[in-house]
Amino acid sequence: MKKTGTVVLASLLALILGITGCGPQSVGVIGGADGPTSIVISSEANGSETGSSVVEKIPETAEAPAAAEVVPAESAEIPAAAEEPAAAEEPAPAEEPAAPEGPAPAEQPAPENGQPGDVLTDEQAVSAVRNYCFSNQPDLEEIVKKGEYPVYWDISASDENEVVVVYRSYTGALIRYYIDRTTGEAYVTEFAPGIFTEEQRTDETLNVRDYLE
């Protein structure tokens, strides 16, 4: 390829000299494939060789050596930081054995209403005394319905063993029933304002459980 370029250049020079020169000229190309190329131009005047010659050496462009391919060195791997050893887990404390459960107490059957052993409530005591009064005084219920006289039953005193129900009679007397919560046994006192200065115990007794609904 370089040789061909040199010949082309020599031909161009010959053409230029042929146009501008006075006589015939000859152009010669001397050169090797690897060395510099020489171009020889000779001219003749009136059939005689002038003997003059122009030797021009055109150095060939040396090929630049191919750049060595730089192979990037593989990036050195940074060693990973050593992992800290995991803290040893503390053993869980041993569970204490559960205390053996004792046998569950046998459930006591609930006594029926009016049976001994069933502790009377305040409401049961008031209801039982009211029923007792209605049963002993047939006209009392009608008197209460008419409302002509103030009649009522209420709790006068109460503790875990005894409940006292007061009955205000249509006559104005205050009659109290002292009731044992467990047995239902009761005794009766009476206080008549203007007649007695204090309540007095009567001979009347009853068991209010007999009058529970």
Protein backbone atom coordinates (compact mmCIF):
# COMPACT_ATOMS: atom_id res chain seq x y z
CA MET A 1 0.00 0.00 0.00
CA LYS A 2 2.90 2.39 0.82
CA LYS A 3 4.70 1.43 -2.38
CA THR A 4 1.68 2.22 -4.50
CA GLY A 5 1.43 5.65 -2.87
CA THR A 6 5.04 6.38 -3.73
CA VAL A 7 4.57 5.47 -7.40
CA VAL A 8 1.53 7.66 -7.60
CA LEU A 9 3.53 10.54 -6.12
CA ALA A 10 6.34 10.00 -8.68
CA SER A 11 3.87 9.99 -11.50
CA LEU A 12 2.43 13.30 -10.36
CA LEU A 13 5.91 14.83 -10.24
CA ALA A 14 6.68 13.62 -13.77
CA LEU A 15 3.46 15.10 -15.04
CA ILE A 16 4.22 18.43 -13.43
CA LEU A 17 7.77 18.53 -14.83
CA GLY A 18 6.59 17.50 -18.24
CA ILE A 19 4.31 20.45 -18.35
CA THR A 20 6.70 23.01 -16.92
CA GLY A 21 10.06 21.67 -18.27
CA CYS A 22 11.86 22.49 -21.54
CA GLY A 23 12.67 18.99 -22.65
CA PRO A 24 11.72 15.45 -22.15
CA GLN A 25 12.24 14.14 -18.71
CA SER A 26 12.31 10.69 -17.23
CA VAL A 27 11.35 9.71 -13.74
CA GLY A 28 12.67 6.67 -11.94
CA VAL A 29 11.57 5.20 -8.67
CA ILE A 30 14.14 3.36 -6.61
CA GLY A 31 13.37 1.93 -3.29
CA GLY A 32 12.72 -1.14 -1.30
CA ALA A 33 9.60 -2.25 0.40
CA ASP A 34 10.85 -1.44 3.84
CA GLY A 35 13.50 1.29 3.25
CA PRO A 36 13.07 4.86 2.01
CA THR A 37 11.92 5.35 -1.56
CA SER A 38 14.03 7.44 -4.04
CA ILE A 39 12.60 9.23 -7.02
CA VAL A 40 15.16 10.02 -9.87
CA ILE A 41 14.25 12.62 -12.42
CA SER A 42 16.49 13.05 -15.53
CA SER A 43 16.11 15.49 -18.46
CA GLU A 44 17.62 15.61 -21.97
CA ALA A 45 18.30 18.68 -24.11
CA ASN A 46 18.68 18.42 -27.91
CA GLY A 47 19.09 14.69 -27.79
CA SER A 48 21.96 14.85 -25.33
CA GLU A 49 21.75 13.82 -21.81
CA THR A 50 22.49 16.68 -19.52
CA GLY A 51 23.65 14.34 -16.89
CA SER A 52 21.87 16.23 -14.24
CA SER A 53 19.71 14.22 -11.96
CA VAL A 54 17.66 14.95 -8.98
CA VAL A 55 17.52 12.36 -6.35
CA GLU A 56 14.89 12.82 -3.76
CA LYS A 57 14.41 10.48 -0.91
CA ILE A 58 11.04 10.26 0.60
CA PRO A 59 11.13 8.52 3.87
CA GLU A 60 8.31 6.25 4.43
CA THR A 61 6.25 6.90 7.38
CA ALA A 62 7.18 4.40 9.96
CA GLU A 63 4.29 2.68 11.38
CA ALA A 64 3.73 3.58 14.94
CA PRO A 65 3.92 0.57 17.10
CA ALA A 66 0.52 -0.58 18.17
CA ALA A 67 -0.25 0.55 21.62
CA ALA A 68 0.08 -2.26 23.99
CA GLU A 69 -3.29 -3.28 25.20
CA VAL A 70 -3.51 -2.36 28.77
CA VAL A 71 -5.36 -4.97 30.63
CA PRO A 72 -6.64 -3.44 33.79
CA ALA A 73 -5.58 -5.46 36.71
CA GLU A 74 -8.45 -6.93 38.50
CA SER A 75 -9.27 -4.86 41.47
CA ALA A 76 -7.89 -6.46 44.50
CA GLU A 77 -10.65 -7.72 46.63
CA ILE A 78 -10.76 -6.12 50.04
CA PRO A 79 -11.00 -8.85 52.58
CA ALA A 80 -14.29 -8.67 54.44
CA ALA A 81 -14.07 -7.63 58.02
CA ALA A 82 -14.05 -10.58 60.29
CA GLU A 83 -17.44 -11.02 61.93
CA GLU A 84 -17.48 -10.75 65.66
CA PRO A 85 -18.46 -13.98 67.30
CA ALA A 86 -22.06 -13.95 68.50
CA ALA A 87 -22.47 -13.63 72.22
CA ALA A 88 -23.27 -16.92 73.80
CA GLU A 89 -26.89 -17.11 74.88
CA GLU A 90 -27.44 -17.51 78.56
CA PRO A 91 -29.33 -20.67 79.38
CA ALA A 92 -32.94 -20.04 80.37
CA PRO A 93 -33.59 -20.58 84.06
CA ALA A 94 -35.14 -23.89 84.76
CA GLU A 95 -38.85 -23.67 85.48
CA GLU A 96 -39.86 -24.60 88.93
CA PRO A 97 -42.22 -27.55 89.00
CA ALA A 98 -45.78 -26.50 89.66
CA ALA A 99 -47.12 -27.43 93.04
CA PRO A 100 -49.50 -30.34 92.77
CA GLU A 101 -53.07 -29.23 92.94
CA GLY A 102 -55.12 -30.63 95.71
CA PRO A 103 -58.51 -32.14 95.06
CA ALA A 104 -61.15 -29.54 94.37
CA PRO A 105 -63.64 -29.17 97.18
CA ALA A 106 -66.90 -30.88 96.49
CA GLU A 107 -69.63 -28.45 95.59
CA GLN A 108 -72.37 -28.23 98.12
CA PRO A 109 -75.82 -28.47 96.61
CA ALA A 110 -77.65 -25.20 96.93
CA PRO A 111 -80.44 -25.59 99.46
CA GLU A 112 -83.91 -24.89 98.25
CA ASN A 113 -85.72 -21.77 99.30
CA GLY A 114 -86.83 -22.08 102.94
CA GLN A 115 -84.39 -24.87 103.84
CA PRO A 116 -81.99 -24.43 106.80
CA GLY A 117 -78.42 -23.60 105.77
CA ASP A 118 -79.51 -21.07 103.12
CA VAL A 119 -78.59 -17.65 104.52
CA LEU A 120 -81.52 -15.28 104.21
CA THR A 121 -81.05 -12.01 102.40
CA ASP A 122 -82.59 -8.73 103.54
CA GLU A 123 -85.08 -8.81 100.65
CA GLN A 124 -86.19 -12.35 101.54
CA ALA A 125 -86.68 -11.35 105.19
CA VAL A 126 -88.89 -8.35 104.29
CA SER A 127 -90.94 -10.38 101.83
CA ALA A 128 -91.45 -13.21 104.34
CA VAL A 129 -92.62 -10.83 107.13
CA ARG A 130 -95.03 -9.12 104.75
CA ASN A 131 -96.54 -12.46 103.74
CA TYR A 132 -96.78 -13.43 107.40
CA CYS A 133 -98.71 -10.23 108.25
CA PHE A 134 -101.10 -10.68 105.29
CA SER A 135 -101.78 -14.29 106.34
CA ASN A 136 -102.57 -13.31 109.98
CA GLN A 137 -104.62 -10.18 109.12
CA PRO A 138 -106.94 -10.90 106.17
CA ASP A 139 -108.03 -7.24 105.86
CA LEU A 140 -104.51 -5.84 105.86
CA GLU A 141 -103.88 -6.31 102.15
CA GLU A 142 -107.02 -4.36 101.26
CA ILE A 143 -105.99 -1.57 103.66
CA VAL A 144 -102.60 -1.36 102.01
CA LYS A 145 -104.18 -1.17 98.53
CA LYS A 146 -106.47 1.67 99.56
CA GLY A 147 -103.60 3.60 101.04
CA GLU A 148 -105.73 5.25 103.69
CA TYR A 149 -103.12 4.57 106.39
CA PRO A 150 -99.38 4.60 106.26
CA VAL A 151 -98.29 0.95 106.28
CA TYR A 152 -94.79 -0.25 105.37
CA TRP A 153 -92.11 -2.93 105.94
CA ASP A 154 -88.47 -2.01 106.10
CA ILE A 155 -85.03 -3.11 107.39
CA SER A 156 -84.37 -1.71 110.86
CA ALA A 157 -80.97 -3.38 111.42
CA SER A 158 -78.83 -5.95 109.65
CA ASP A 159 -75.59 -7.84 110.16
CA GLU A 160 -74.14 -11.15 109.00
CA ASN A 161 -76.08 -13.18 111.58
CA GLU A 162 -79.35 -11.33 112.12
CA VAL A 163 -81.71 -9.06 110.24
CA VAL A 164 -84.43 -6.92 111.90
CA VAL A 165 -87.57 -6.10 109.90
CA VAL A 166 -89.81 -3.32 111.19
CA TYR A 167 -93.51 -3.31 110.33
CA ARG A 168 -95.39 -0.03 110.70
CA SER A 169 -99.00 -1.01 111.38
CA TYR A 170 -102.02 1.05 110.31
CA THR A 171 -102.63 1.54 114.07
CA GLY A 172 -99.27 3.37 114.35
CA ALA A 173 -97.53 0.61 116.32
CA LEU A 174 -93.98 -0.38 115.33
CA ILE A 175 -93.52 -4.14 115.34
CA ARG A 176 -90.01 -5.57 114.88
CA TYR A 177 -89.08 -9.08 113.79
CA TYR A 178 -85.62 -10.25 114.87
CA ILE A 179 -84.70 -12.97 112.38
CA ASP A 180 -81.83 -15.45 112.43
CA ARG A 181 -80.42 -15.44 108.88
CA THR A 182 -79.54 -19.12 108.95
CA THR A 183 -82.45 -20.81 110.69
CA GLY A 184 -85.17 -18.28 109.91
CA GLU A 185 -86.35 -18.32 113.54
CA ALA A 186 -87.72 -14.96 114.69
CA TYR A 187 -89.09 -13.29 117.80
CA VAL A 188 -91.28 -10.17 117.88
CA THR A 189 -91.27 -6.90 119.81
CA GLU A 190 -93.81 -4.07 119.79
CA PHE A 191 -93.62 -0.35 120.47
CA ALA A 192 -96.78 1.74 120.67
CA PRO A 193 -96.03 5.45 120.88
CA GLY A 194 -97.99 7.08 123.74
CA ILE A 195 -98.58 3.69 125.34
CA PHE A 196 -95.10 2.23 125.78
CA THR A 197 -91.95 4.13 126.47
CA GLU A 198 -89.85 1.46 124.77
CA GLU A 199 -90.39 -1.62 122.70
CA GLN A 200 -91.47 -4.72 124.48
CA ARG A 201 -90.98 -8.34 123.50
CA THR A 202 -94.14 -10.30 122.88
CA ASP A 203 -94.85 -14.01 123.07
CA GLU A 204 -95.13 -14.15 119.30
CA THR A 205 -92.56 -16.27 117.44
CA LEU A 206 -92.35 -17.69 113.95
CA ASN A 207 -90.02 -19.11 111.31
CA VAL A 208 -89.99 -16.74 108.35
CA ARG A 209 -88.87 -19.55 106.03
CA ASP A 210 -92.41 -20.82 106.19
CA TYR A 211 -93.51 -17.62 104.40
CA LEU A 212 -90.94 -17.39 101.69
CA GLU A 213 -92.38 -17.40 98.18
